[in-house]
Amino acid sequence: MEQGKQSKSPVPKFLRQRLRDRAIAGVRKDMIHAGRTEDSYSEEELEYLVAEKERDIWSGIGWKGFGVAALLLGINIGI
């Protein structure tokens, strides 16, 4: 990234990297469960799988945050 350019994401870079690392670990775990190796996927397929896993992690964070907020307000939503 060039100096002077701002990132589009409001999330700090270190946090995005931790999320990506967590997504990669999740994809590797899924591949082990499927009985496949990284070599059996193309570069594009791996990038797609990691992006999907990142979306899953983000959506999980959102729902957990919502559940905590609801709990603090005394609302039981069953999470």
C-alpha atoms as a PDB file:
ATOM      1  CA  MET A   1       0.000   0.000   0.000  1.00  0.00           C
ATOM      2  CA  GLU A   2       1.338   3.442  -0.880  1.00  0.00           C
ATOM      3  CA  GLN A   3       2.113   5.970   1.800  1.00  0.00           C
ATOM      4  CA  GLY A   4      -0.547   8.591   2.228  1.00  0.00           C
ATOM      5  CA  LYS A   5      -3.398   6.307   1.152  1.00  0.00           C
ATOM      6  CA  GLN A   6      -5.953   5.454   3.783  1.00  0.00           C
ATOM      7  CA  SER A   7      -7.322   1.943   4.120  1.00  0.00           C
ATOM      8  CA  LYS A   8     -11.014   1.592   3.226  1.00  0.00           C
ATOM      9  CA  SER A   9     -11.641  -0.491   6.324  1.00  0.00           C
ATOM     10  CA  PRO A  10     -12.097   1.227   9.695  1.00  0.00           C
ATOM     11  CA  VAL A  11     -10.686  -1.903  11.362  1.00  0.00           C
ATOM     12  CA  PRO A  12      -7.010  -1.628  12.418  1.00  0.00           C
ATOM     13  CA  LYS A  13      -4.518  -3.568  10.304  1.00  0.00           C
ATOM     14  CA  PHE A  14      -3.356  -5.826  13.150  1.00  0.00           C
ATOM     15  CA  LEU A  15      -6.966  -6.844  13.834  1.00  0.00           C
ATOM     16  CA  ARG A  16      -7.626  -7.602  10.157  1.00  0.00           C
ATOM     17  CA  GLN A  17      -4.446  -9.727  10.104  1.00  0.00           C
ATOM     18  CA  ARG A  18      -5.549 -11.677  13.207  1.00  0.00           C
ATOM     19  CA  LEU A  19      -8.938 -12.257  11.600  1.00  0.00           C
ATOM     20  CA  ARG A  20      -7.264 -13.471   8.383  1.00  0.00           C
ATOM     21  CA  ASP A  21      -4.947 -15.789  10.341  1.00  0.00           C
ATOM     22  CA  ARG A  22      -7.941 -17.208  12.198  1.00  0.00           C
ATOM     23  CA  ALA A  23      -9.797 -17.714   8.910  1.00  0.00           C
ATOM     24  CA  ILE A  24      -6.794 -19.502   7.367  1.00  0.00           C
ATOM     25  CA  ALA A  25      -6.580 -21.802  10.394  1.00  0.00           C
ATOM     26  CA  GLY A  26     -10.296 -22.554  10.044  1.00  0.00           C
ATOM     27  CA  VAL A  27      -9.946 -23.352   6.341  1.00  0.00           C
ATOM     28  CA  ARG A  28      -7.016 -25.677   7.064  1.00  0.00           C
ATOM     29  CA  LYS A  29      -9.096 -27.443   9.716  1.00  0.00           C
ATOM     30  CA  ASP A  30     -11.980 -27.806   7.248  1.00  0.00           C
ATOM     31  CA  MET A  31      -9.585 -29.242   4.642  1.00  0.00           C
ATOM     32  CA  ILE A  32      -8.314 -31.810   7.142  1.00  0.00           C
ATOM     33  CA  HIS A  33     -11.896 -32.855   7.910  1.00  0.00           C
ATOM     34  CA  ALA A  34     -12.570 -33.138   4.174  1.00  0.00           C
ATOM     35  CA  GLY A  35      -9.447 -35.267   3.688  1.00  0.00           C
ATOM     36  CA  ARG A  36      -7.862 -32.878   1.181  1.00  0.00           C
ATOM     37  CA  THR A  37      -4.609 -30.927   1.080  1.00  0.00           C
ATOM     38  CA  GLU A  38      -3.834 -27.348   0.090  1.00  0.00           C
ATOM     39  CA  ASP A  39      -2.239 -28.648  -3.107  1.00  0.00           C
ATOM     40  CA  SER A  40      -5.601 -29.991  -4.288  1.00  0.00           C
ATOM     41  CA  TYR A  41      -7.034 -26.438  -4.418  1.00  0.00           C
ATOM     42  CA  SER A  42      -6.175 -23.677  -6.859  1.00  0.00           C
ATOM     43  CA  GLU A  43      -5.008 -20.274  -5.623  1.00  0.00           C
ATOM     44  CA  GLU A  44      -8.409 -18.751  -6.451  1.00  0.00           C
ATOM     45  CA  GLU A  45     -10.277 -21.500  -4.598  1.00  0.00           C
ATOM     46  CA  LEU A  46      -8.139 -21.006  -1.496  1.00  0.00           C
ATOM     47  CA  GLU A  47      -8.690 -17.240  -1.572  1.00  0.00           C
ATOM     48  CA  TYR A  48     -12.444 -17.782  -1.924  1.00  0.00           C
ATOM     49  CA  LEU A  49     -12.505 -20.243   0.994  1.00  0.00           C
ATOM     50  CA  VAL A  50     -10.559 -17.855   3.231  1.00  0.00           C
ATOM     51  CA  ALA A  51     -12.831 -14.933   2.283  1.00  0.00           C
ATOM     52  CA  GLU A  52     -15.929 -17.008   3.093  1.00  0.00           C
ATOM     53  CA  LYS A  53     -14.450 -18.022   6.448  1.00  0.00           C
ATOM     54  CA  GLU A  54     -13.651 -14.354   7.207  1.00  0.00           C
ATOM     55  CA  ARG A  55     -17.285 -13.444   6.493  1.00  0.00           C
ATOM     56  CA  ASP A  56     -18.442 -16.226   8.822  1.00  0.00           C
ATOM     57  CA  ILE A  57     -16.172 -14.965  11.591  1.00  0.00           C
ATOM     58  CA  TRP A  58     -17.360 -11.363  11.132  1.00  0.00           C
ATOM     59  CA  SER A  59     -21.011 -12.389  11.232  1.00  0.00           C
ATOM     60  CA  GLY A  60     -20.368 -14.443  14.373  1.00  0.00           C
ATOM     61  CA  ILE A  61     -18.724 -11.458  16.044  1.00  0.00           C
ATOM     62  CA  GLY A  62     -21.727  -9.306  15.191  1.00  0.00           C
ATOM     63  CA  TRP A  63     -24.236 -11.705  16.678  1.00  0.00           C
ATOM     64  CA  LYS A  64     -22.150 -12.233  19.818  1.00  0.00           C
ATOM     65  CA  GLY A  65     -21.919  -8.470  20.309  1.00  0.00           C
ATOM     66  CA  PHE A  66     -25.667  -8.161  19.846  1.00  0.00           C
ATOM     67  CA  GLY A  67     -26.233 -10.968  22.359  1.00  0.00           C
ATOM     68  CA  VAL A  68     -23.984  -9.328  24.947  1.00  0.00           C
ATOM     69  CA  ALA A  69     -25.743  -5.977  24.497  1.00  0.00           C
ATOM     70  CA  ALA A  70     -29.138  -7.645  24.845  1.00  0.00           C
ATOM     71  CA  LEU A  71     -27.968  -9.489  27.958  1.00  0.00           C
ATOM     72  CA  LEU A  72     -26.778  -6.235  29.521  1.00  0.00           C
ATOM     73  CA  LEU A  73     -30.201  -4.764  28.854  1.00  0.00           C
ATOM     74  CA  GLY A  74     -31.842  -7.779  30.471  1.00  0.00           C
ATOM     75  CA  ILE A  75     -33.250  -9.253  27.276  1.00  0.00           C
ATOM     76  CA  ASN A  76     -32.979 -13.024  26.835  1.00  0.00           C
ATOM     77  CA  ILE A  77     -32.638 -13.892  23.117  1.00  0.00           C
ATOM     78  CA  GLY A  78     -31.425 -17.447  23.582  1.00  0.00           C
ATOM     79  CA  ILE A  79     -27.789 -17.061  22.499  1.00  0.00           C
END
